[in-house]
Amino acid sequence: MSDAGATETLTAGQARRIALAAQGLAGPRPEGPIGPRQLMRTIERLGVIQIDSVNVVSRTHYLPLFARLGAYPRPLIDELAWGKRPRLVEYWAHEASLIPPTTHPLLRWRMADAAEGVGVWKGIARFLREHPQLVDRTLEEIRTRGPLAASDFDWGQKKREKWWGWNEPKRALEGLFWTGRLTTATRRNSFERVYGLPQKVLPRAVVETPTPPRDEAQRGLLRIAARAMGIATERDLRDYFRMPVAETKVRIAELVEAGELIPAAVKGWREPAYLHPEARRPRKATATALLSPFDNLIWFRERTERLFGLRYRIEIYTPAEKRTHGYYVLPFLEGEALTARVDLKSDRKAGVLIVQHAHAEPGATDETPRRLAAELRLMSGWLGLGDVRVEPRGDLAERLAAAL
């Protein structure tokens, strides 16, 4: 047990470097070929990788690993997630996410909430309750035929307005996925989810793991989040796995009492923070990386602004004429600062990575265009594209084009 009243004081710079180190973004990338072991080690460090359907540059679950490891073979992730012997599991962790199998039992309380209609899950539970025959038929089809996608169910159902226009079989499949009665067996074609029975898809060790008590599972998730962030406020910790407010407060107090979180005050932060006891404290950070909008380091925009002084918003759903920085914008990490933003698009037919907009941030230096150009070349090659083209839009575009 520790002295729960002891508070450590950190500068904003110390907190920023701790956060970068915890995320694997403080130092140089590993040298040599990257294999499954390095990928799994990185995913386990992060705890969760967000999935998103947007494919303007690349599917987002590939990008955090590129930021940390460089040009690894992308098919390895598909094999780890959806291959014959998967080592990752898909569930609603942060958002739709890939997680290590050992984390899956820690989320069963969320599946139970979905089944019971707690909070945001109310509509899901009501739909499943009101359509028992559809639910039974859906499960029986998968038991009989094996893993199936929504497109495999041809029951003459028209799309409805609710749930993103999904038809009733799709709604049943997603409801059963969220409640844990189905899981993702694989994905196919244009990223279409294929549903399977957990006892047939998940590793046997996971299926046979007893369901932990709710409080124990929540502490387990917060431990993962704290290790992945290094230093974090209550809101940061809560956001990592989208935890309930009241329960998170109680769980954090328990972890502090047990000495598994150290209370901290960061200069310039308005809220108290919590330090992971094993967090690395580098004296400098030297990595360069292009960060997906859904990268773990920046996905919680409030934390991004607190750490880096950068107000970042994704503008995919903003009308084109109202966008400030572009459609799919990746901040550029240079050492301890986010020094630029680039709006990228992969033109796969032409074999070109297009920089549609390039903007400098206050922390940019004379070296920023050259370092950003090197990162763009690395990304272009990793994506199988032959060139990088910079459009003349944004205050950094001319210098970046010259550097390329």
Protein backbone atom coordinates (compact mmCIF):
# COMPACT_ATOMS: atom_id res chain seq x y z
CA MET A 1 0.00 0.00 0.00
CA SER A 2 1.22 3.52 -0.70
CA ASP A 3 0.66 6.93 0.80
CA ALA A 4 -2.40 7.94 -1.22
CA GLY A 5 -1.89 11.56 -0.19
CA ALA A 6 1.57 11.91 -1.78
CA THR A 7 1.49 13.97 -4.97
CA GLU A 8 4.34 14.26 -7.46
CA THR A 9 4.85 17.52 -9.36
CA LEU A 10 5.88 17.47 -13.01
CA THR A 11 6.56 20.15 -15.60
CA ALA A 12 4.51 20.15 -18.79
CA GLY A 13 7.62 19.06 -20.69
CA GLN A 14 8.22 16.11 -18.37
CA ALA A 15 4.60 15.03 -18.74
CA ARG A 16 4.79 15.31 -22.53
CA ARG A 17 7.95 13.17 -22.71
CA ILE A 18 6.46 10.58 -20.35
CA ALA A 19 3.37 10.38 -22.58
CA LEU A 20 5.47 10.00 -25.74
CA ALA A 21 7.65 7.30 -24.17
CA ALA A 22 4.61 5.36 -22.96
CA GLN A 23 3.24 5.41 -26.50
CA GLY A 24 6.49 4.26 -28.07
CA LEU A 25 7.07 7.63 -29.73
CA ALA A 26 10.04 9.04 -27.85
CA GLY A 27 13.00 7.48 -29.63
CA PRO A 28 14.15 6.03 -32.95
CA ARG A 29 12.29 3.21 -34.64
CA PRO A 30 13.73 -0.29 -34.42
CA GLU A 31 16.18 -1.28 -37.12
CA GLY A 32 15.82 -4.29 -39.35
CA PRO A 33 12.78 -6.25 -40.54
CA ILE A 34 9.61 -6.07 -38.46
CA GLY A 35 7.79 -9.33 -37.73
CA PRO A 36 4.73 -10.48 -35.77
CA ARG A 37 6.56 -10.37 -32.44
CA GLN A 38 7.36 -6.65 -32.71
CA LEU A 39 3.84 -5.88 -33.89
CA MET A 40 2.23 -7.75 -31.01
CA ARG A 41 4.59 -6.13 -28.52
CA THR A 42 3.58 -2.68 -29.79
CA ILE A 43 -0.13 -3.49 -29.76
CA GLU A 44 0.15 -4.85 -26.23
CA ARG A 45 1.94 -1.65 -25.20
CA LEU A 46 -0.88 0.44 -26.66
CA GLY A 47 -3.60 -1.91 -25.36
CA VAL A 48 -5.98 -1.20 -28.23
CA ILE A 49 -5.89 -0.22 -31.91
CA GLN A 50 -8.89 1.65 -33.30
CA ILE A 51 -10.56 0.45 -36.51
CA ASP A 52 -12.23 2.81 -38.96
CA SER A 53 -13.66 2.32 -42.44
CA VAL A 54 -12.10 5.47 -43.97
CA ASN A 55 -9.45 4.44 -46.52
CA VAL A 56 -8.30 7.76 -47.98
CA VAL A 57 -4.65 7.13 -47.11
CA SER A 58 -4.79 3.67 -45.55
CA ARG A 59 -7.12 1.91 -43.14
CA THR A 60 -6.41 3.54 -39.82
CA HIS A 61 -5.47 0.37 -37.92
CA TYR A 62 -2.31 0.10 -40.05
CA LEU A 63 -1.13 3.65 -39.32
CA PRO A 64 -0.30 3.69 -35.56
CA LEU A 65 2.08 0.77 -36.09
CA PHE A 66 3.73 2.51 -39.04
CA ALA A 67 4.20 5.62 -36.88
CA ARG A 68 6.05 3.58 -34.26
CA LEU A 69 7.79 0.85 -36.28
CA GLY A 70 8.23 2.22 -39.79
CA ALA A 71 7.62 0.27 -42.98
CA TYR A 72 6.44 -3.08 -41.65
CA PRO A 73 4.58 -5.61 -43.88
CA ARG A 74 0.92 -4.60 -43.72
CA PRO A 75 -0.45 -8.12 -44.41
CA LEU A 76 0.94 -9.13 -41.01
CA ILE A 77 -1.80 -7.15 -39.26
CA ASP A 78 -4.51 -8.82 -41.30
CA GLU A 79 -3.02 -12.19 -40.40
CA LEU A 80 -2.81 -11.32 -36.69
CA ALA A 81 -6.36 -9.97 -36.64
CA TRP A 82 -8.30 -12.12 -39.08
CA GLY A 83 -6.04 -14.98 -40.19
CA LYS A 84 -6.41 -18.70 -39.59
CA ARG A 85 -4.90 -18.41 -36.10
CA PRO A 86 -5.67 -14.85 -34.99
CA ARG A 87 -3.76 -13.32 -32.11
CA LEU A 88 -6.02 -10.27 -31.84
CA VAL A 89 -9.73 -9.92 -31.09
CA GLU A 90 -12.19 -7.34 -32.33
CA TYR A 91 -14.63 -5.58 -30.00
CA TRP A 92 -15.96 -2.17 -28.97
CA ALA A 93 -13.07 -1.16 -26.70
CA HIS A 94 -12.27 2.50 -27.45
CA GLU A 95 -14.39 2.55 -30.58
CA ALA A 96 -14.45 -0.48 -32.87
CA SER A 97 -11.04 -1.87 -32.01
CA LEU A 98 -8.48 -4.65 -32.14
CA ILE A 99 -7.32 -5.84 -28.72
CA PRO A 100 -5.15 -8.64 -27.32
CA PRO A 101 -7.29 -11.70 -26.49
CA THR A 102 -6.55 -11.35 -22.76
CA THR A 103 -8.41 -8.02 -22.76
CA HIS A 104 -11.62 -9.53 -24.11
CA PRO A 105 -12.82 -10.94 -20.74
CA LEU A 106 -12.24 -7.50 -19.18
CA LEU A 107 -14.98 -6.13 -21.45
CA ARG A 108 -17.67 -8.67 -20.63
CA TRP A 109 -19.30 -6.22 -18.23
CA ARG A 110 -19.83 -3.94 -21.27
CA MET A 111 -21.39 -6.83 -23.18
CA ALA A 112 -23.69 -7.42 -20.21
CA ASP A 113 -24.63 -3.71 -20.18
CA ALA A 114 -25.46 -3.93 -23.89
CA ALA A 115 -27.63 -7.00 -23.31
CA GLU A 116 -29.45 -5.28 -20.43
CA GLY A 117 -29.86 -1.94 -22.22
CA VAL A 118 -27.79 0.15 -19.81
CA GLY A 119 -27.23 3.75 -20.96
CA VAL A 120 -26.30 4.05 -24.64
CA TRP A 121 -27.16 0.39 -25.21
CA LYS A 122 -30.88 0.87 -24.57
CA GLY A 123 -31.93 0.72 -28.25
CA ILE A 124 -29.81 -2.38 -28.92
CA ALA A 125 -31.31 -4.33 -26.04
CA ARG A 126 -34.83 -3.28 -27.01
CA PHE A 127 -34.34 -4.41 -30.61
CA LEU A 128 -33.00 -7.80 -29.59
CA ARG A 129 -35.78 -8.24 -27.04
CA GLU A 130 -38.48 -7.31 -29.55
CA HIS A 131 -37.15 -9.62 -32.29
CA PRO A 132 -36.49 -12.97 -30.60
CA GLN A 133 -37.27 -15.02 -33.71
CA LEU A 134 -34.87 -12.96 -35.82
CA VAL A 135 -32.16 -13.34 -33.17
CA ASP A 136 -32.67 -17.11 -32.96
CA ARG A 137 -32.71 -17.47 -36.73
CA THR A 138 -29.53 -15.41 -37.10
CA LEU A 139 -27.66 -17.46 -34.53
CA GLU A 140 -28.91 -20.72 -36.03
CA GLU A 141 -27.72 -19.70 -39.50
CA ILE A 142 -24.22 -19.09 -38.16
CA ARG A 143 -24.23 -22.30 -36.13
CA THR A 144 -25.25 -24.24 -39.21
CA ARG A 145 -23.34 -22.49 -41.99
CA GLY A 146 -20.34 -21.12 -40.09
CA PRO A 147 -19.16 -17.46 -40.06
CA LEU A 148 -21.33 -15.14 -42.16
CA ALA A 149 -21.41 -11.49 -43.19
CA ALA A 150 -24.56 -9.36 -43.30
CA SER A 151 -24.57 -9.69 -47.10
CA ASP A 152 -24.94 -13.47 -46.71
CA PHE A 153 -28.40 -12.99 -45.19
CA ASP A 154 -30.87 -12.59 -48.05
CA TRP A 155 -34.16 -12.40 -46.21
CA GLY A 156 -35.83 -9.77 -48.36
CA GLN A 157 -35.32 -7.07 -45.77
CA LYS A 158 -35.25 -3.46 -46.87
CA LYS A 159 -33.02 -0.90 -45.24
CA ARG A 160 -34.49 1.17 -42.41
CA GLU A 161 -33.66 4.66 -41.25
CA LYS A 162 -32.41 3.62 -37.81
CA TRP A 163 -28.88 2.36 -37.11
CA TRP A 164 -27.20 3.88 -40.17
CA GLY A 165 -29.86 2.50 -42.54
CA TRP A 166 -29.09 -1.12 -41.61
CA ASN A 167 -31.68 -3.77 -42.38
CA GLU A 168 -32.98 -6.01 -39.62
CA PRO A 169 -30.52 -8.92 -40.06
CA LYS A 170 -27.62 -6.45 -39.93
CA ARG A 171 -29.06 -4.86 -36.79
CA ALA A 172 -29.42 -8.29 -35.21
CA LEU A 173 -25.84 -9.20 -36.11
CA GLU A 174 -24.44 -5.97 -34.68
CA GLY A 175 -26.57 -6.25 -31.55
CA LEU A 176 -25.35 -9.80 -30.99
CA PHE A 177 -21.78 -8.62 -31.59
CA TRP A 178 -22.08 -5.85 -29.00
CA THR A 179 -23.65 -8.18 -26.46
CA GLY A 180 -20.86 -10.73 -26.98
CA ARG A 181 -23.00 -13.52 -28.43
CA LEU A 182 -21.17 -13.12 -31.75
CA THR A 183 -17.66 -11.94 -32.55
CA THR A 184 -15.70 -11.06 -35.69
CA ALA A 185 -14.36 -14.17 -37.38
CA THR A 186 -12.67 -12.27 -40.21
CA ARG A 187 -13.17 -9.39 -42.62
CA ARG A 188 -13.43 -9.66 -46.37
CA ASN A 189 -13.89 -7.72 -49.61
CA SER A 190 -14.09 -4.03 -48.72
CA PHE A 191 -13.55 -4.55 -45.00
CA GLU A 192 -16.90 -6.30 -44.44
CA ARG A 193 -17.22 -7.89 -41.01
CA VAL A 194 -17.86 -11.63 -40.94
CA TYR A 195 -19.55 -12.81 -37.74
CA GLY A 196 -18.84 -16.04 -35.91
CA LEU A 197 -19.64 -17.74 -32.62
CA PRO A 198 -17.15 -16.78 -29.88
CA GLN A 199 -16.62 -20.40 -28.82
CA LYS A 200 -15.62 -21.21 -32.41
CA VAL A 201 -13.54 -18.11 -33.13
CA LEU A 202 -11.84 -16.91 -29.96
CA PRO A 203 -8.81 -18.72 -28.53
CA ARG A 204 -9.83 -21.51 -26.21
CA ALA A 205 -7.98 -19.91 -23.28
CA VAL A 206 -10.12 -16.78 -23.65
CA VAL A 207 -13.41 -18.67 -23.95
CA GLU A 208 -12.58 -20.64 -20.82
CA THR A 209 -11.43 -17.62 -18.80
CA PRO A 210 -13.95 -17.00 -15.99
CA THR A 211 -15.72 -13.66 -16.23
CA PRO A 212 -14.01 -11.31 -13.77
CA PRO A 213 -16.13 -9.20 -11.40
CA ARG A 214 -17.07 -5.82 -12.84
CA ASP A 215 -14.82 -3.83 -10.50
CA GLU A 216 -11.83 -6.10 -11.12
CA ALA A 217 -12.30 -5.90 -14.89
CA GLN A 218 -12.53 -2.12 -14.81
CA ARG A 219 -9.35 -1.85 -12.76
CA GLY A 220 -7.69 -4.09 -15.33
CA LEU A 221 -8.70 -1.77 -18.18
CA LEU A 222 -7.51 1.29 -16.27
CA ARG A 223 -4.16 -0.40 -15.64
CA ILE A 224 -3.77 -0.91 -19.40
CA ALA A 225 -4.77 2.69 -20.09
CA ALA A 226 -2.42 4.10 -17.44
CA ARG A 227 0.53 2.11 -18.76
CA ALA A 228 -0.25 3.16 -22.36
CA MET A 229 -0.44 6.87 -21.46
CA GLY A 230 2.20 7.11 -18.73
CA ILE A 231 0.64 10.23 -17.25
CA ALA A 232 -3.08 10.95 -17.48
CA THR A 233 -6.00 12.80 -15.96
CA GLU A 234 -9.15 11.02 -14.87
CA ARG A 235 -10.82 12.03 -18.15
CA ASP A 236 -7.87 10.66 -20.14
CA LEU A 237 -8.03 7.34 -18.32
CA ARG A 238 -11.79 7.15 -18.73
CA ASP A 239 -11.67 7.88 -22.46
CA TYR A 240 -9.12 5.20 -23.33
CA PHE A 241 -11.69 2.42 -22.95
CA ARG A 242 -14.76 4.70 -22.78
CA MET A 243 -15.46 3.93 -19.11
CA PRO A 244 -18.46 5.13 -17.05
CA VAL A 245 -17.85 8.35 -15.09
CA ALA A 246 -18.85 7.34 -11.56
CA GLU A 247 -17.28 3.90 -11.69
CA THR A 248 -14.02 5.27 -13.07
CA LYS A 249 -13.69 7.66 -10.13
CA VAL A 250 -14.05 4.78 -7.69
CA ARG A 251 -11.68 2.49 -9.59
CA ILE A 252 -8.98 5.19 -9.81
CA ALA A 253 -9.21 5.80 -6.06
CA GLU A 254 -8.77 2.06 -5.51
CA LEU A 255 -5.70 1.95 -7.76
CA VAL A 256 -4.19 4.95 -5.98
CA GLU A 257 -4.79 3.30 -2.61
CA ALA A 258 -3.09 0.14 -3.89
CA GLY A 259 -0.07 2.11 -5.13
CA GLU A 260 -0.80 1.29 -8.78
CA LEU A 261 -1.33 4.93 -9.69
CA ILE A 262 0.66 7.87 -8.31
CA PRO A 263 -1.21 11.18 -7.88
CA ALA A 264 0.57 13.94 -9.80
CA ALA A 265 0.22 17.64 -10.50
CA VAL A 266 1.38 18.83 -13.92
CA LYS A 267 2.18 22.53 -14.25
CA GLY A 268 -0.34 24.13 -16.57
CA TRP A 269 -2.85 21.27 -16.30
CA ARG A 270 -6.09 22.28 -14.61
CA GLU A 271 -7.00 18.76 -13.52
CA PRO A 272 -5.10 16.37 -11.22
CA ALA A 273 -3.14 13.65 -12.99
CA TYR A 274 -2.06 10.09 -12.29
CA LEU A 275 1.35 8.66 -13.06
CA HIS A 276 1.99 5.02 -13.84
CA PRO A 277 4.66 3.76 -11.37
CA GLU A 278 6.74 2.20 -14.16
CA ALA A 279 6.45 5.09 -16.61
CA ARG A 280 9.70 5.95 -18.39
CA ARG A 281 10.94 9.51 -17.95
CA PRO A 282 13.19 10.34 -20.92
CA ARG A 283 15.13 13.59 -20.87
CA LYS A 284 14.33 14.20 -24.53
CA ALA A 285 12.15 12.84 -27.31
CA THR A 286 13.50 12.53 -30.85
CA ALA A 287 10.98 10.55 -32.90
CA THR A 288 9.35 11.75 -36.09
CA ALA A 289 6.00 10.29 -37.12
CA LEU A 290 2.84 11.00 -39.09
CA LEU A 291 -0.14 10.38 -36.82
CA SER A 292 -3.48 9.01 -37.98
CA PRO A 293 -6.50 11.03 -36.79
CA PHE A 294 -7.33 7.91 -34.75
CA ASP A 295 -3.84 7.35 -33.33
CA ASN A 296 -3.86 6.56 -29.60
CA LEU A 297 -1.62 9.54 -28.86
CA ILE A 298 -4.09 12.10 -30.23
CA TRP A 299 -7.53 10.45 -30.42
CA PHE A 300 -8.70 12.28 -27.27
CA ARG A 301 -8.58 15.85 -28.61
CA GLU A 302 -8.68 17.47 -25.16
CA ARG A 303 -5.52 15.59 -24.18
CA THR A 304 -3.83 16.47 -27.48
CA GLU A 305 -4.38 20.16 -26.83
CA ARG A 306 -3.19 19.83 -23.23
CA LEU A 307 -0.02 17.96 -24.19
CA PHE A 308 0.95 19.80 -27.37
CA GLY A 309 -1.00 23.05 -27.45
CA LEU A 310 -2.59 21.90 -30.73
CA ARG A 311 -6.32 22.17 -31.28
CA TYR A 312 -7.03 19.27 -33.61
CA ARG A 313 -10.38 18.31 -35.14
CA ILE A 314 -11.03 15.84 -37.94
CA GLU A 315 -12.88 17.61 -40.77
CA ILE A 316 -14.18 14.65 -42.78
CA TYR A 317 -17.77 15.62 -42.02
CA THR A 318 -17.18 19.35 -42.45
CA PRO A 319 -18.29 20.83 -45.81
CA ALA A 320 -15.26 21.34 -48.06
CA GLU A 321 -15.58 25.12 -48.12
CA LYS A 322 -15.52 25.27 -44.31
CA ARG A 323 -12.47 23.07 -43.72
CA THR A 324 -9.40 24.70 -42.22
CA HIS A 325 -6.72 22.08 -42.81
CA GLY A 326 -8.29 19.52 -45.17
CA TYR A 327 -10.23 16.27 -45.35
CA TYR A 328 -7.97 13.61 -43.78
CA VAL A 329 -5.30 15.45 -41.85
CA LEU A 330 -2.33 13.80 -40.15
CA PRO A 331 -0.38 15.85 -37.59
CA PHE A 332 3.40 15.52 -37.88
CA LEU A 333 5.25 14.68 -34.67
CA GLU A 334 8.77 16.09 -34.58
CA GLY A 335 10.52 15.39 -31.30
CA GLU A 336 8.30 16.81 -28.56
CA ALA A 337 6.09 18.95 -30.78
CA LEU A 338 3.39 18.61 -33.41
CA THR A 339 4.98 20.89 -35.97
CA ALA A 340 2.81 20.47 -39.07
CA ARG A 341 -0.41 19.06 -40.49
CA VAL A 342 -0.76 17.42 -43.88
CA ASP A 343 -3.98 16.47 -45.64
CA LEU A 344 -3.06 13.23 -47.42
CA LYS A 345 -4.67 11.08 -50.10
CA SER A 346 -3.40 7.86 -51.70
CA ASP A 347 -3.98 7.94 -55.45
CA ARG A 348 -3.55 4.21 -55.93
CA LYS A 349 -4.28 4.28 -59.67
CA ALA A 350 -1.58 6.86 -60.36
CA GLY A 351 0.78 5.49 -57.70
CA VAL A 352 1.11 8.84 -55.91
CA LEU A 353 0.75 10.00 -52.31
CA ILE A 354 -0.85 13.43 -52.63
CA VAL A 355 -0.34 16.17 -50.05
CA GLN A 356 -3.52 18.13 -50.65
CA HIS A 357 -2.76 20.75 -47.98
CA ALA A 358 0.33 21.37 -45.85
CA HIS A 359 0.28 23.69 -42.85
CA ALA A 360 3.01 24.61 -40.39
CA GLU A 361 2.40 24.88 -36.65
CA PRO A 362 4.11 27.36 -34.28
CA GLY A 363 6.71 24.74 -33.29
CA ALA A 364 7.93 24.25 -36.86
CA THR A 365 11.60 24.97 -37.60
CA ASP A 366 13.74 25.24 -40.72
CA GLU A 367 14.29 21.48 -40.43
CA THR A 368 10.57 20.62 -40.43
CA PRO A 369 10.07 20.50 -44.24
CA ARG A 370 13.05 18.16 -44.68
CA ARG A 371 12.03 15.83 -41.85
CA LEU A 372 8.41 15.79 -42.99
CA ALA A 373 9.51 15.07 -46.57
CA ALA A 374 11.52 12.07 -45.36
CA GLU A 375 8.51 10.73 -43.47
CA LEU A 376 6.25 11.20 -46.50
CA ARG A 377 8.72 9.32 -48.72
CA LEU A 378 8.84 6.48 -46.20
CA MET A 379 5.04 6.33 -46.05
CA SER A 380 4.68 6.45 -49.83
CA GLY A 381 7.03 3.50 -50.25
CA TRP A 382 5.30 1.55 -47.48
CA LEU A 383 1.95 2.08 -49.19
CA GLY A 384 3.35 0.84 -52.50
CA LEU A 385 3.14 4.28 -54.11
CA GLY A 386 5.94 5.58 -56.26
CA ASP A 387 5.95 9.31 -55.64
CA VAL A 388 4.83 12.17 -53.39
CA ARG A 389 3.11 15.19 -54.90
CA VAL A 390 2.44 18.42 -53.01
CA GLU A 391 -0.47 20.60 -54.07
CA PRO A 392 0.12 24.36 -53.66
CA ARG A 393 -2.25 24.76 -50.73
CA GLY A 394 -1.22 25.72 -47.20
CA ASP A 395 1.60 27.84 -45.78
CA LEU A 396 4.05 24.91 -45.70
CA ALA A 397 3.37 23.58 -49.21
CA GLU A 398 6.07 25.47 -51.08
CA ARG A 399 8.86 24.60 -48.63
CA LEU A 400 7.70 20.99 -48.43
CA ALA A 401 7.65 20.64 -52.22
CA ALA A 402 11.19 22.03 -52.37
CA ALA A 403 12.34 19.55 -49.72
CA LEU A 404 10.89 16.70 -51.76
